[in-house]
N, C-alpha and C. Protein backbone atom coordinates (compact mmCIF):
# COMPACT_ATOMS: atom_id res chain seq x y z
N MET A 1 -1.10 -13.91 24.75
CA MET A 1 0.01 -13.47 23.95
C MET A 1 -0.41 -13.41 22.49
N GLN A 2 -0.11 -12.32 21.85
CA GLN A 2 -0.51 -12.10 20.46
C GLN A 2 0.62 -12.54 19.53
N LYS A 3 0.26 -13.33 18.53
CA LYS A 3 1.25 -13.81 17.57
C LYS A 3 1.12 -12.99 16.29
N ILE A 4 2.24 -12.46 15.82
CA ILE A 4 2.27 -11.69 14.59
C ILE A 4 3.21 -12.40 13.62
N GLU A 5 2.70 -12.68 12.43
CA GLU A 5 3.50 -13.34 11.41
C GLU A 5 3.68 -12.36 10.26
N SER A 6 4.89 -12.23 9.75
CA SER A 6 5.11 -11.30 8.65
C SER A 6 6.07 -11.90 7.63
N THR A 7 5.85 -11.51 6.36
CA THR A 7 6.72 -11.96 5.28
C THR A 7 6.96 -10.81 4.32
N LEU A 8 8.13 -10.79 3.75
CA LEU A 8 8.48 -9.79 2.75
C LEU A 8 8.94 -10.54 1.50
N THR A 9 8.27 -10.27 0.38
CA THR A 9 8.62 -10.89 -0.88
C THR A 9 9.12 -9.81 -1.81
N VAL A 10 10.33 -9.96 -2.32
CA VAL A 10 10.91 -8.99 -3.24
C VAL A 10 11.00 -9.65 -4.61
N PHE A 11 10.50 -8.96 -5.65
CA PHE A 11 10.51 -9.51 -7.00
C PHE A 11 10.65 -8.39 -8.01
N PHE A 12 10.96 -8.76 -9.24
CA PHE A 12 11.14 -7.80 -10.32
C PHE A 12 9.83 -7.64 -11.06
N GLU A 13 9.33 -6.39 -11.15
CA GLU A 13 8.07 -6.11 -11.84
C GLU A 13 8.30 -4.92 -12.75
N GLY A 14 8.35 -5.19 -14.07
CA GLY A 14 8.59 -4.11 -15.01
C GLY A 14 9.98 -3.55 -14.83
N PRO A 15 10.12 -2.24 -14.79
CA PRO A 15 11.47 -1.67 -14.66
C PRO A 15 11.96 -1.58 -13.21
N PHE A 16 11.14 -1.95 -12.23
CA PHE A 16 11.51 -1.75 -10.83
C PHE A 16 11.49 -3.06 -10.06
N TRP A 17 12.23 -3.07 -8.96
CA TRP A 17 12.15 -4.15 -7.99
C TRP A 17 11.12 -3.73 -6.95
N VAL A 18 10.22 -4.63 -6.65
CA VAL A 18 9.09 -4.34 -5.76
C VAL A 18 9.10 -5.34 -4.62
N GLY A 19 8.71 -4.85 -3.45
CA GLY A 19 8.56 -5.73 -2.29
C GLY A 19 7.14 -5.67 -1.80
N VAL A 20 6.60 -6.82 -1.45
CA VAL A 20 5.27 -6.87 -0.84
C VAL A 20 5.46 -7.38 0.58
N TYR A 21 5.14 -6.51 1.54
CA TYR A 21 5.29 -6.85 2.95
C TYR A 21 3.90 -7.16 3.48
N LYS A 22 3.72 -8.36 4.00
CA LYS A 22 2.41 -8.69 4.56
C LYS A 22 2.58 -9.14 5.99
N ARG A 23 1.63 -8.74 6.83
CA ARG A 23 1.66 -9.14 8.22
C ARG A 23 0.30 -9.67 8.62
N ILE A 24 0.30 -10.68 9.45
CA ILE A 24 -0.92 -11.32 9.91
C ILE A 24 -0.93 -11.26 11.43
N SER A 25 -1.99 -10.65 11.97
CA SER A 25 -2.16 -10.63 13.42
C SER A 25 -3.66 -10.68 13.71
N ASP A 26 -4.02 -11.41 14.74
CA ASP A 26 -5.43 -11.58 15.12
C ASP A 26 -6.27 -12.07 13.95
N LYS A 27 -5.72 -12.98 13.15
CA LYS A 27 -6.40 -13.58 11.99
C LYS A 27 -6.82 -12.54 10.95
N LYS A 28 -6.14 -11.41 10.94
CA LYS A 28 -6.35 -10.36 9.94
C LYS A 28 -5.04 -10.12 9.21
N MET A 29 -5.12 -9.98 7.89
CA MET A 29 -3.91 -9.75 7.12
C MET A 29 -3.92 -8.37 6.51
N GLU A 30 -2.76 -7.70 6.54
CA GLU A 30 -2.57 -6.39 5.93
C GLU A 30 -1.35 -6.50 5.03
N ALA A 31 -1.35 -5.75 3.93
CA ALA A 31 -0.23 -5.80 3.00
C ALA A 31 0.19 -4.38 2.64
N CYS A 32 1.45 -4.27 2.23
CA CYS A 32 2.02 -2.99 1.85
C CYS A 32 2.96 -3.24 0.68
N LYS A 33 2.89 -2.38 -0.33
CA LYS A 33 3.75 -2.52 -1.50
C LYS A 33 4.87 -1.48 -1.40
N ILE A 34 6.11 -1.94 -1.61
CA ILE A 34 7.28 -1.08 -1.51
C ILE A 34 8.02 -1.14 -2.84
N THR A 35 8.28 0.01 -3.47
CA THR A 35 9.03 0.05 -4.72
C THR A 35 10.47 0.44 -4.41
N PHE A 36 11.40 -0.41 -4.84
CA PHE A 36 12.81 -0.18 -4.54
C PHE A 36 13.58 0.49 -5.66
N GLY A 37 13.21 0.26 -6.90
CA GLY A 37 14.00 0.80 -8.01
C GLY A 37 15.01 -0.24 -8.45
N ALA A 38 16.29 -0.01 -8.17
CA ALA A 38 17.33 -0.97 -8.52
C ALA A 38 17.25 -2.17 -7.58
N GLU A 39 17.86 -3.26 -7.99
CA GLU A 39 17.79 -4.49 -7.18
C GLU A 39 18.43 -4.24 -5.82
N PRO A 40 17.65 -4.41 -4.74
CA PRO A 40 18.19 -4.13 -3.41
C PRO A 40 18.95 -5.33 -2.85
N LYS A 41 19.95 -5.05 -2.07
CA LYS A 41 20.67 -6.10 -1.34
C LYS A 41 19.89 -6.39 -0.07
N ASP A 42 20.18 -7.52 0.56
CA ASP A 42 19.47 -7.90 1.78
C ASP A 42 19.60 -6.83 2.86
N TYR A 43 20.82 -6.34 3.05
CA TYR A 43 21.03 -5.34 4.11
C TYR A 43 20.32 -4.02 3.78
N GLU A 44 20.17 -3.70 2.47
CA GLU A 44 19.46 -2.47 2.08
C GLU A 44 17.97 -2.59 2.39
N VAL A 45 17.42 -3.78 2.15
CA VAL A 45 16.00 -4.01 2.46
C VAL A 45 15.78 -3.89 3.96
N TYR A 46 16.65 -4.52 4.73
CA TYR A 46 16.54 -4.48 6.18
C TYR A 46 16.65 -3.05 6.70
N GLU A 47 17.63 -2.32 6.18
CA GLU A 47 17.83 -0.93 6.59
C GLU A 47 16.62 -0.07 6.22
N PHE A 48 16.07 -0.31 5.02
CA PHE A 48 14.88 0.44 4.58
C PHE A 48 13.72 0.21 5.54
N LEU A 49 13.50 -1.06 5.91
CA LEU A 49 12.40 -1.37 6.82
C LEU A 49 12.60 -0.70 8.18
N LEU A 50 13.83 -0.71 8.67
CA LEU A 50 14.09 -0.09 9.97
C LEU A 50 13.87 1.42 9.94
N GLN A 51 14.30 2.07 8.86
CA GLN A 51 14.21 3.52 8.78
C GLN A 51 12.81 4.02 8.40
N ASN A 52 12.08 3.24 7.61
CA ASN A 52 10.80 3.72 7.07
C ASN A 52 9.60 2.95 7.59
N TRP A 53 9.75 2.22 8.68
CA TRP A 53 8.65 1.41 9.20
C TRP A 53 7.41 2.26 9.48
N HIS A 54 7.59 3.43 10.07
CA HIS A 54 6.46 4.28 10.44
C HIS A 54 5.79 4.91 9.21
N LYS A 55 6.47 4.93 8.06
CA LYS A 55 5.91 5.53 6.85
C LYS A 55 5.13 4.54 5.99
N LEU A 56 5.25 3.24 6.27
CA LEU A 56 4.57 2.24 5.46
C LEU A 56 3.06 2.37 5.61
N ARG A 57 2.37 2.32 4.48
CA ARG A 57 0.91 2.44 4.50
C ARG A 57 0.32 1.09 4.15
N PHE A 58 -0.24 0.45 5.16
CA PHE A 58 -0.80 -0.88 4.99
C PHE A 58 -2.24 -0.81 4.50
N SER A 59 -2.64 -1.87 3.82
CA SER A 59 -4.01 -1.96 3.32
C SER A 59 -4.96 -2.18 4.48
N PRO A 60 -6.26 -2.00 4.23
CA PRO A 60 -7.22 -2.34 5.29
C PRO A 60 -7.12 -3.84 5.60
N PRO A 61 -7.32 -4.23 6.84
CA PRO A 61 -7.18 -5.65 7.19
C PRO A 61 -8.29 -6.50 6.57
N ILE A 62 -7.89 -7.68 6.09
CA ILE A 62 -8.85 -8.65 5.57
C ILE A 62 -8.65 -9.96 6.31
N ASP A 63 -9.65 -10.83 6.27
CA ASP A 63 -9.54 -12.11 6.95
C ASP A 63 -8.45 -12.95 6.33
N ALA A 64 -7.64 -13.55 7.17
CA ALA A 64 -6.55 -14.41 6.70
C ALA A 64 -6.89 -15.85 7.03
N ASP A 65 -6.57 -16.72 6.10
CA ASP A 65 -6.75 -18.14 6.34
C ASP A 65 -5.53 -18.64 7.11
N SER A 66 -5.71 -18.78 8.40
CA SER A 66 -4.57 -19.23 9.20
C SER A 66 -4.64 -20.74 9.34
N LYS A 67 -3.66 -21.40 8.80
CA LYS A 67 -3.58 -22.84 8.89
C LYS A 67 -2.60 -23.20 9.99
N ARG A 68 -2.96 -24.15 10.76
CA ARG A 68 -2.08 -24.58 11.85
C ARG A 68 -0.85 -25.24 11.25
N GLN A 69 0.32 -24.72 11.59
CA GLN A 69 1.54 -25.27 11.04
C GLN A 69 2.20 -26.19 12.05
N ALA A 70 2.50 -27.38 11.59
CA ALA A 70 3.18 -28.35 12.43
C ALA A 70 4.68 -28.16 12.27
N LYS A 71 5.45 -28.84 13.11
CA LYS A 71 6.90 -28.80 12.98
C LYS A 71 7.28 -29.37 11.63
N ILE A 72 8.16 -28.67 10.93
CA ILE A 72 8.58 -29.09 9.60
C ILE A 72 10.05 -29.50 9.65
N ASN A 73 10.35 -30.57 8.98
CA ASN A 73 11.72 -31.05 8.88
C ASN A 73 12.59 -29.94 8.29
N PRO A 74 13.77 -29.68 8.83
CA PRO A 74 14.63 -28.60 8.33
C PRO A 74 14.97 -28.71 6.85
N LYS A 75 15.20 -29.94 6.37
CA LYS A 75 15.51 -30.11 4.95
C LYS A 75 14.31 -29.75 4.08
N ARG A 76 13.14 -30.13 4.54
CA ARG A 76 11.92 -29.80 3.80
C ARG A 76 11.71 -28.29 3.79
N MET A 77 11.99 -27.66 4.93
CA MET A 77 11.87 -26.20 5.02
C MET A 77 12.83 -25.54 4.03
N GLN A 78 14.06 -26.05 3.94
CA GLN A 78 15.03 -25.51 2.98
C GLN A 78 14.52 -25.65 1.55
N ARG A 79 13.95 -26.80 1.23
CA ARG A 79 13.41 -27.02 -0.13
C ARG A 79 12.29 -26.05 -0.42
N ARG A 80 11.42 -25.83 0.55
CA ARG A 80 10.32 -24.87 0.36
C ARG A 80 10.84 -23.46 0.14
N ILE A 81 11.84 -23.08 0.91
CA ILE A 81 12.42 -21.74 0.77
C ILE A 81 13.03 -21.58 -0.62
N GLN A 82 13.78 -22.59 -1.07
CA GLN A 82 14.39 -22.52 -2.40
C GLN A 82 13.32 -22.43 -3.48
N LYS A 83 12.23 -23.17 -3.31
CA LYS A 83 11.14 -23.13 -4.29
C LYS A 83 10.50 -21.75 -4.32
N GLN A 84 10.30 -21.15 -3.15
CA GLN A 84 9.73 -19.80 -3.09
C GLN A 84 10.65 -18.77 -3.72
N LEU A 85 11.95 -18.96 -3.56
CA LEU A 85 12.90 -18.03 -4.14
C LEU A 85 12.84 -18.07 -5.67
N HIS A 86 12.55 -19.24 -6.23
CA HIS A 86 12.53 -19.37 -7.69
C HIS A 86 11.18 -19.00 -8.31
N THR A 87 10.12 -19.04 -7.53
CA THR A 87 8.83 -18.62 -8.05
C THR A 87 8.58 -17.20 -7.60
N GLN A 88 8.14 -16.34 -8.51
CA GLN A 88 7.97 -14.93 -8.19
C GLN A 88 6.52 -14.52 -8.34
N ARG A 89 5.72 -14.94 -7.41
CA ARG A 89 4.33 -14.54 -7.48
C ARG A 89 3.86 -14.09 -6.10
N ILE A 90 2.94 -13.14 -6.12
CA ILE A 90 2.37 -12.64 -4.88
C ILE A 90 1.17 -13.52 -4.54
N GLU A 91 0.97 -13.77 -3.29
CA GLU A 91 -0.19 -14.55 -2.89
C GLU A 91 -1.47 -13.76 -3.16
N THR A 92 -2.54 -14.45 -3.44
CA THR A 92 -3.78 -13.78 -3.82
C THR A 92 -4.34 -12.93 -2.68
N LYS A 93 -4.19 -13.37 -1.44
CA LYS A 93 -4.68 -12.56 -0.32
C LYS A 93 -3.94 -11.22 -0.27
N SER A 94 -2.65 -11.27 -0.54
CA SER A 94 -1.87 -10.03 -0.56
C SER A 94 -2.35 -9.13 -1.68
N GLN A 95 -2.64 -9.73 -2.84
CA GLN A 95 -3.15 -8.95 -3.96
C GLN A 95 -4.48 -8.29 -3.60
N GLN A 96 -5.34 -9.03 -2.92
CA GLN A 96 -6.63 -8.46 -2.51
C GLN A 96 -6.42 -7.29 -1.56
N ALA A 97 -5.52 -7.45 -0.62
CA ALA A 97 -5.26 -6.39 0.35
C ALA A 97 -4.69 -5.15 -0.34
N LEU A 98 -3.77 -5.36 -1.28
CA LEU A 98 -3.20 -4.22 -2.01
C LEU A 98 -4.26 -3.55 -2.87
N LYS A 99 -5.15 -4.33 -3.45
CA LYS A 99 -6.22 -3.76 -4.28
C LYS A 99 -7.15 -2.91 -3.41
N LEU A 100 -7.46 -3.38 -2.21
CA LEU A 100 -8.29 -2.59 -1.30
C LEU A 100 -7.61 -1.26 -0.95
N GLN A 101 -6.30 -1.32 -0.71
CA GLN A 101 -5.56 -0.10 -0.39
C GLN A 101 -5.59 0.86 -1.58
N GLN A 102 -5.42 0.33 -2.77
CA GLN A 102 -5.43 1.16 -3.98
C GLN A 102 -6.79 1.83 -4.16
N GLU A 103 -7.87 1.07 -3.97
CA GLU A 103 -9.21 1.63 -4.10
C GLU A 103 -9.47 2.70 -3.05
N GLU A 104 -8.98 2.48 -1.82
CA GLU A 104 -9.15 3.47 -0.75
C GLU A 104 -8.41 4.76 -1.11
N ASN A 105 -7.18 4.63 -1.62
CA ASN A 105 -6.41 5.81 -2.03
C ASN A 105 -7.11 6.54 -3.17
N LYS A 106 -7.68 5.80 -4.10
CA LYS A 106 -8.38 6.38 -5.24
C LYS A 106 -9.60 7.16 -4.76
N ARG A 107 -10.35 6.58 -3.81
CA ARG A 107 -11.54 7.24 -3.27
C ARG A 107 -11.15 8.55 -2.57
N ILE A 108 -10.09 8.51 -1.78
CA ILE A 108 -9.63 9.70 -1.07
C ILE A 108 -9.19 10.78 -2.06
N ARG A 109 -8.45 10.37 -3.09
CA ARG A 109 -7.97 11.32 -4.10
C ARG A 109 -9.14 11.95 -4.85
N LYS A 110 -10.14 11.15 -5.23
CA LYS A 110 -11.31 11.69 -5.94
C LYS A 110 -12.07 12.67 -5.06
N GLU A 111 -12.22 12.33 -3.79
CA GLU A 111 -12.93 13.22 -2.86
C GLU A 111 -12.20 14.55 -2.72
N LYS A 112 -10.88 14.49 -2.61
CA LYS A 112 -10.07 15.70 -2.50
C LYS A 112 -10.18 16.55 -3.76
N ASP A 113 -10.09 15.90 -4.94
CA ASP A 113 -10.20 16.63 -6.21
C ASP A 113 -11.57 17.28 -6.36
N ARG A 114 -12.62 16.56 -5.96
CA ARG A 114 -13.98 17.09 -6.06
C ARG A 114 -14.13 18.31 -5.16
N ARG A 115 -13.58 18.22 -3.95
CA ARG A 115 -13.66 19.34 -3.01
C ARG A 115 -12.90 20.56 -3.56
N GLN A 116 -11.72 20.33 -4.13
CA GLN A 116 -10.94 21.43 -4.69
C GLN A 116 -11.66 22.07 -5.87
N LYS A 117 -12.28 21.26 -6.71
CA LYS A 117 -13.01 21.77 -7.87
C LYS A 117 -14.20 22.62 -7.43
N GLU A 118 -14.88 22.15 -6.39
CA GLU A 118 -16.03 22.89 -5.84
C GLU A 118 -15.58 24.23 -5.26
N GLU A 119 -14.45 24.22 -4.54
CA GLU A 119 -13.94 25.47 -3.96
C GLU A 119 -13.53 26.45 -5.05
N GLU A 120 -12.92 25.94 -6.11
CA GLU A 120 -12.51 26.80 -7.23
C GLU A 120 -13.73 27.39 -7.92
N LYS A 121 -14.77 26.58 -8.07
CA LYS A 121 -16.01 27.04 -8.69
C LYS A 121 -16.64 28.14 -7.83
N GLN A 122 -16.66 27.95 -6.53
CA GLN A 122 -17.23 28.93 -5.61
C GLN A 122 -16.41 30.23 -5.64
N ARG A 123 -15.09 30.12 -5.69
CA ARG A 123 -14.22 31.29 -5.74
C ARG A 123 -14.47 32.09 -7.02
N LYS A 124 -14.60 31.41 -8.16
CA LYS A 124 -14.88 32.09 -9.42
C LYS A 124 -16.24 32.78 -9.39
N PHE A 125 -17.23 32.12 -8.78
CA PHE A 125 -18.56 32.71 -8.68
C PHE A 125 -18.52 33.99 -7.85
N GLU A 126 -17.83 33.93 -6.70
CA GLU A 126 -17.73 35.11 -5.85
C GLU A 126 -16.98 36.24 -6.54
N LEU A 127 -15.96 35.92 -7.30
CA LEU A 127 -15.21 36.92 -8.07
C LEU A 127 -16.12 37.58 -9.11
N GLN A 128 -16.94 36.77 -9.77
CA GLN A 128 -17.88 37.29 -10.78
C GLN A 128 -18.90 38.22 -10.13
N GLN A 129 -19.41 37.83 -8.96
CA GLN A 129 -20.38 38.68 -8.24
C GLN A 129 -19.74 39.99 -7.82
N LYS A 130 -18.49 39.93 -7.38
CA LYS A 130 -17.78 41.13 -6.96
C LYS A 130 -17.59 42.08 -8.15
N LYS A 131 -17.22 41.52 -9.32
CA LYS A 131 -17.06 42.34 -10.52
C LYS A 131 -18.39 43.00 -10.90
N ARG A 132 -19.46 42.24 -10.81
CA ARG A 132 -20.78 42.76 -11.16
C ARG A 132 -21.17 43.92 -10.25
N LYS A 133 -20.91 43.78 -8.94
CA LYS A 133 -21.22 44.86 -7.99
C LYS A 133 -20.36 46.09 -8.27
N ASN A 134 -19.09 45.90 -8.54
CA ASN A 134 -18.19 47.03 -8.83
C ASN A 134 -18.62 47.78 -10.08
N LYS A 135 -19.20 47.10 -11.05
CA LYS A 135 -19.66 47.73 -12.28
C LYS A 135 -20.78 48.75 -12.01
N HIS A 136 -21.64 48.37 -11.06
CA HIS A 136 -22.81 49.21 -10.77
C HIS A 136 -22.57 50.24 -9.66
N LYS A 137 -21.43 50.25 -9.04
CA LYS A 137 -21.17 51.18 -7.95
C LYS A 137 -21.09 52.62 -8.40
N GLY A 138 -20.59 52.87 -9.60
CA GLY A 138 -20.37 54.23 -10.07
C GLY A 138 -21.63 54.94 -10.50
N ARG A 139 -22.75 54.33 -10.66
CA ARG A 139 -23.96 54.96 -11.20
C ARG A 139 -24.71 55.73 -10.19
C-alpha cells in the first residue's frame, strides 16, 4: 500500500496570497506554487483544488526526509497547528522543489525562444535569397 502525504500552506507574499502545495510519495517530494490573488476562504481553496487539480504543475521530485511519526497527543497536535498558523514560512525542501521547477520552466522557455529566433533568421535568409533571384530573372 502506497502512502501519500500532502500539505497546503497559504500565506501572504507581496500583493498576493500564495499557496504552496507539497506532496510526498515513495520518499519523493514534489511542490507546486498556486497564486490566489485576494485572500481565499477555506472553501475557495478546496474548490480550487478540486477544479484545477489536473492543471497543477508540480516540480521534479526530490528526496524527502521522511521521519517516522509516532502518535501525538491531541493537545500537542493542536498547539503545533496553532504555531504553524502563526508562522508563515515555506519549508526549505519545498523551496528547493519550486526552484527546480522554475529552472526547468526557464530552460524550456529559453529553448523555445532560441528555436523561434533561428526559424525567423532562416525565414529572413530565404526571403533575401528569393529577392536576389527575382532581381536577376529579368536579364
